[in-house]
Protein backbone atom coordinates (compact mmCIF):
# COMPACT_ATOMS: atom_id res chain seq x y z
CA MET A 1 -125.08 95.11 69.64
CA SER A 2 -125.20 91.92 67.57
CA ASP A 3 -122.34 89.45 67.24
CA TYR A 4 -123.51 88.68 63.71
CA PRO A 5 -121.64 90.43 60.89
CA GLN A 6 -123.36 93.05 58.79
CA GLN A 7 -123.31 90.68 55.79
CA TRP A 8 -124.84 87.76 57.78
CA LYS A 9 -127.87 87.36 55.49
CA ASP A 10 -125.64 86.94 52.42
CA LEU A 11 -123.26 84.59 54.24
CA ALA A 12 -126.13 82.45 55.58
CA LYS A 13 -127.73 82.29 52.13
CA SER A 14 -124.48 81.08 50.58
CA ILE A 15 -124.18 78.31 53.22
CA LYS A 16 -127.77 77.23 52.51
CA GLU A 17 -127.16 77.24 48.76
CA LYS A 18 -124.05 75.07 49.18
CA SER A 19 -126.19 72.51 50.99
CA ASP A 20 -128.78 72.68 48.17
CA TRP A 21 -131.36 73.83 50.75
CA CYS A 22 -131.14 70.50 52.59
CA CYS A 23 -130.44 69.91 56.27
CA ASN A 24 -126.90 68.63 56.78
CA LYS A 25 -128.09 66.52 59.73
CA CYS A 26 -131.28 64.76 58.59
CA GLY A 27 -131.21 65.48 54.84
CA ARG A 28 -134.66 67.10 54.87
CA THR A 29 -135.31 69.44 51.94
CA CYS A 30 -136.30 72.87 53.21
CA LEU A 31 -138.23 75.78 51.77
CA ARG A 32 -136.31 78.26 49.66
CA PRO A 33 -136.95 81.99 50.00
CA GLY A 34 -140.38 82.85 48.57
CA GLU A 35 -141.34 79.20 48.14
CA LYS A 36 -144.78 78.23 49.43
CA SER A 37 -145.38 75.06 51.40
CA ILE A 38 -147.11 72.31 49.45
CA THR A 39 -149.96 70.98 51.59
CA ASP A 40 -149.64 67.35 50.47
CA GLN A 41 -145.93 67.27 51.35
CA PRO A 42 -144.63 67.87 54.88
CA ARG A 43 -141.91 70.27 53.79
CA ALA A 44 -142.69 73.40 55.75
CA TYR A 45 -139.21 73.49 57.26
CA ASN A 46 -136.99 76.51 57.18
CA LEU A 47 -133.27 76.06 56.75
CA GLN A 48 -131.12 77.82 59.31
CA VAL A 49 -127.38 78.28 59.68
CA HIS A 50 -125.90 76.98 62.90
CA HIS A 51 -122.60 77.97 64.49
CA TRP A 52 -120.92 74.72 65.48
CA ASP A 53 -119.20 76.37 68.47
CA ARG A 54 -122.35 78.40 69.35
CA ASN A 55 -120.41 81.63 68.96
CA PRO A 56 -122.24 83.93 66.51
CA SER A 57 -119.12 86.06 66.08
CA ASN A 58 -117.15 83.06 64.75
CA ASN A 59 -118.24 83.05 61.13
CA ARG A 60 -115.45 80.96 59.68
CA LEU A 61 -116.99 78.76 56.99
CA GLU A 62 -115.87 75.57 58.75
CA ASN A 63 -117.88 76.68 61.81
CA LEU A 64 -121.18 77.03 59.91
CA ILE A 65 -123.62 74.28 58.96
CA SER A 66 -127.13 74.23 57.44
CA LEU A 67 -129.78 72.70 59.71
CA CYS A 68 -133.54 72.48 59.34
CA SER A 69 -135.48 74.25 62.07
CA ALA A 70 -136.26 70.94 63.82
CA CYS A 71 -132.62 69.80 63.95
CA HIS A 72 -131.43 73.26 64.97
CA LEU A 73 -133.93 73.40 67.83
CA SER A 74 -133.01 69.87 68.88
CA TYR A 75 -129.34 70.79 68.89
CA HIS A 76 -129.84 73.75 71.21
CA ARG A 77 -132.36 72.05 73.50
CA GLY A 78 -130.76 70.88 76.71
CA GLY A 79 -127.33 72.29 75.94
CA ARG A 80 -126.23 69.11 74.20
CA GLY A 81 -125.57 68.72 70.52
CA ASN A 82 -126.94 66.11 68.17
CA ILE A 83 -124.06 66.56 65.71
CA SER A 84 -120.65 65.22 66.58
CA PRO A 85 -117.40 66.68 65.23
CA GLY A 86 -117.04 63.46 63.22
CA GLN A 87 -120.42 64.01 61.58
CA LEU A 88 -119.54 67.62 60.85
CA SER A 89 -116.39 66.51 59.03
CA LEU A 90 -118.58 64.56 56.61
CA PHE A 91 -119.74 67.88 55.22
CA ASP A 92 -116.25 69.12 54.37
CA SER A 93 -117.09 68.15 50.79
CA PHE A 94 -119.41 71.17 50.71
CA ASN A 95 -116.30 73.37 50.98
CA PHE A 96 -117.49 75.32 54.01
């Protein structure tokens, strides 16, 4: 059984749209659904939605943040985060 809600895809898409398909950590522009990678631009990054508290059942908007695949992987690697609560508060303007 998954801890993700049934409407997870719609919720994740709305978080990504609010960030204008950019990583909230590094600012990298990511591919939108159906968009093809342009070979002369290194933009083959997928945007993912991260749970700040690492609890996939906590889908409060203030617990969700858009991260590119590289930043998301980096965050989870080693059990330490690369986003501080102070940095996360900078994104309150996105109305998560």
